[in-house]
Amino acid sequence: MHYLYGSKSGIPRKLVATFDSNEQLLAYVGWATLSKSATGVSKFEQGSALAGYQCWEQSGIQMTNEDSELVVHNPSPSML
């Protein structure tokens, strides 16, 4: 399992989606990212799991105590 986290200034990371593979996660983030500033702040596609966040992180292990069953698994642009 691969975990995708979103975060923004002053807010701790939050689990936003899970994926079966790292390739799926990276493809999704590539699609969801509209722009990235020189300071590292990104804008994400509305309706994506990262909408409303400023940056993302990935991990092969769960980094928070959130229930991974409560987030979308393998989201795709066709789910919008």
C-alpha atoms as a PDB file:
ATOM      1  CA  MET A   1       0.000   0.000   0.000  1.00  0.00           C
ATOM      2  CA  HIS A   2       1.182   3.508  -0.829  1.00  0.00           C
ATOM      3  CA  TYR A   3      -0.094   6.502   1.115  1.00  0.00           C
ATOM      4  CA  LEU A   4      -0.639  10.042  -0.185  1.00  0.00           C
ATOM      5  CA  TYR A   5      -0.715  12.934   2.275  1.00  0.00           C
ATOM      6  CA  GLY A   6      -1.718  16.546   1.781  1.00  0.00           C
ATOM      7  CA  SER A   7      -0.611  19.452   3.940  1.00  0.00           C
ATOM      8  CA  LYS A   8      -0.703  23.208   4.124  1.00  0.00           C
ATOM      9  CA  SER A   9       0.996  25.850   6.205  1.00  0.00           C
ATOM     10  CA  GLY A  10       0.291  25.431   9.905  1.00  0.00           C
ATOM     11  CA  ILE A  11      -1.711  22.230   9.412  1.00  0.00           C
ATOM     12  CA  PRO A  12      -0.243  18.759   9.987  1.00  0.00           C
ATOM     13  CA  ARG A  13      -0.230  16.270   7.113  1.00  0.00           C
ATOM     14  CA  LYS A  14      -3.453  14.415   6.444  1.00  0.00           C
ATOM     15  CA  LEU A  15      -3.977  11.118   4.678  1.00  0.00           C
ATOM     16  CA  VAL A  16      -5.946  11.880   1.498  1.00  0.00           C
ATOM     17  CA  ALA A  17      -5.700   8.680  -0.594  1.00  0.00           C
ATOM     18  CA  THR A  18      -4.132   5.242  -0.848  1.00  0.00           C
ATOM     19  CA  PHE A  19      -2.789   3.441  -3.919  1.00  0.00           C
ATOM     20  CA  ASP A  20      -1.788  -0.079  -4.860  1.00  0.00           C
ATOM     21  CA  SER A  21       1.456   1.072  -6.477  1.00  0.00           C
ATOM     22  CA  ASN A  22       3.880   3.963  -6.365  1.00  0.00           C
ATOM     23  CA  GLU A  23       3.417   4.425 -10.122  1.00  0.00           C
ATOM     24  CA  GLN A  24      -0.336   4.960  -9.676  1.00  0.00           C
ATOM     25  CA  LEU A  25       0.299   7.483  -6.896  1.00  0.00           C
ATOM     26  CA  LEU A  26       2.822   9.460  -8.958  1.00  0.00           C
ATOM     27  CA  ALA A  27       0.600   9.451 -12.041  1.00  0.00           C
ATOM     28  CA  TYR A  28      -2.306  10.747  -9.962  1.00  0.00           C
ATOM     29  CA  VAL A  29      -0.217  13.506  -8.370  1.00  0.00           C
ATOM     30  CA  GLY A  30       1.086  14.468 -11.813  1.00  0.00           C
ATOM     31  CA  TRP A  31      -2.463  14.827 -13.091  1.00  0.00           C
ATOM     32  CA  ALA A  32      -3.729  16.645  -9.961  1.00  0.00           C
ATOM     33  CA  THR A  33      -0.898  19.214  -9.847  1.00  0.00           C
ATOM     34  CA  LEU A  34      -1.823  22.356 -11.770  1.00  0.00           C
ATOM     35  CA  SER A  35       1.210  24.423 -10.795  1.00  0.00           C
ATOM     36  CA  LYS A  36       4.085  24.630  -8.340  1.00  0.00           C
ATOM     37  CA  SER A  37       5.734  27.855  -7.192  1.00  0.00           C
ATOM     38  CA  ALA A  38       9.433  28.397  -6.538  1.00  0.00           C
ATOM     39  CA  THR A  39       8.646  28.235  -2.812  1.00  0.00           C
ATOM     40  CA  GLY A  40       7.250  24.707  -3.199  1.00  0.00           C
ATOM     41  CA  VAL A  41       3.576  25.624  -2.826  1.00  0.00           C
ATOM     42  CA  SER A  42       1.396  23.743  -5.312  1.00  0.00           C
ATOM     43  CA  LYS A  43      -2.105  24.252  -6.670  1.00  0.00           C
ATOM     44  CA  PHE A  44      -4.153  21.135  -7.272  1.00  0.00           C
ATOM     45  CA  GLU A  45      -7.091  20.218  -9.479  1.00  0.00           C
ATOM     46  CA  GLN A  46     -10.484  20.921  -7.887  1.00  0.00           C
ATOM     47  CA  GLY A  47     -12.152  17.671  -6.979  1.00  0.00           C
ATOM     48  CA  SER A  48      -8.849  15.848  -6.536  1.00  0.00           C
ATOM     49  CA  ALA A  49      -7.866  14.306  -3.221  1.00  0.00           C
ATOM     50  CA  LEU A  50      -5.264  17.092  -2.890  1.00  0.00           C
ATOM     51  CA  ALA A  51      -7.639  20.017  -3.497  1.00  0.00           C
ATOM     52  CA  GLY A  52      -7.236  22.617  -0.765  1.00  0.00           C
ATOM     53  CA  TYR A  53      -3.719  21.526   0.163  1.00  0.00           C
ATOM     54  CA  GLN A  54      -0.424  23.223  -0.679  1.00  0.00           C
ATOM     55  CA  CYS A  55       1.938  20.267  -0.879  1.00  0.00           C
ATOM     56  CA  TRP A  56       1.975  16.477  -0.820  1.00  0.00           C
ATOM     57  CA  GLU A  57       4.041  13.642   0.605  1.00  0.00           C
ATOM     58  CA  GLN A  58       4.088   9.947  -0.103  1.00  0.00           C
ATOM     59  CA  SER A  59       5.072   6.975   1.999  1.00  0.00           C
ATOM     60  CA  GLY A  60       5.155   3.210   1.798  1.00  0.00           C
ATOM     61  CA  ILE A  61       4.087   3.088   5.435  1.00  0.00           C
ATOM     62  CA  GLN A  62       1.270   4.893   7.178  1.00  0.00           C
ATOM     63  CA  MET A  63       2.620   8.028   8.901  1.00  0.00           C
ATOM     64  CA  THR A  64      -0.531   9.044  10.818  1.00  0.00           C
ATOM     65  CA  ASN A  65      -3.125   7.300  12.959  1.00  0.00           C
ATOM     66  CA  GLU A  66      -5.930   8.009  10.491  1.00  0.00           C
ATOM     67  CA  ASP A  67      -8.125   5.161   9.290  1.00  0.00           C
ATOM     68  CA  SER A  68      -6.988   4.412   5.737  1.00  0.00           C
ATOM     69  CA  GLU A  69     -10.389   2.822   5.034  1.00  0.00           C
ATOM     70  CA  LEU A  70     -11.979   6.302   5.229  1.00  0.00           C
ATOM     71  CA  VAL A  71     -10.059   7.743   2.242  1.00  0.00           C
ATOM     72  CA  VAL A  72     -10.424   6.961  -1.428  1.00  0.00           C
ATOM     73  CA  HIS A  73      -8.357   4.043  -2.739  1.00  0.00           C
ATOM     74  CA  ASN A  74      -6.794   4.346  -6.228  1.00  0.00           C
ATOM     75  CA  PRO A  75      -8.551   7.597  -7.174  1.00  0.00           C
ATOM     76  CA  SER A  76      -8.427   8.516 -10.842  1.00  0.00           C
ATOM     77  CA  PRO A  77      -9.419  11.549 -12.917  1.00  0.00           C
ATOM     78  CA  SER A  78     -12.395   9.568 -14.228  1.00  0.00           C
ATOM     79  CA  MET A  79     -13.816   9.545 -10.664  1.00  0.00           C
ATOM     80  CA  LEU A  80     -14.452  13.308 -10.820  1.00  0.00           C
END
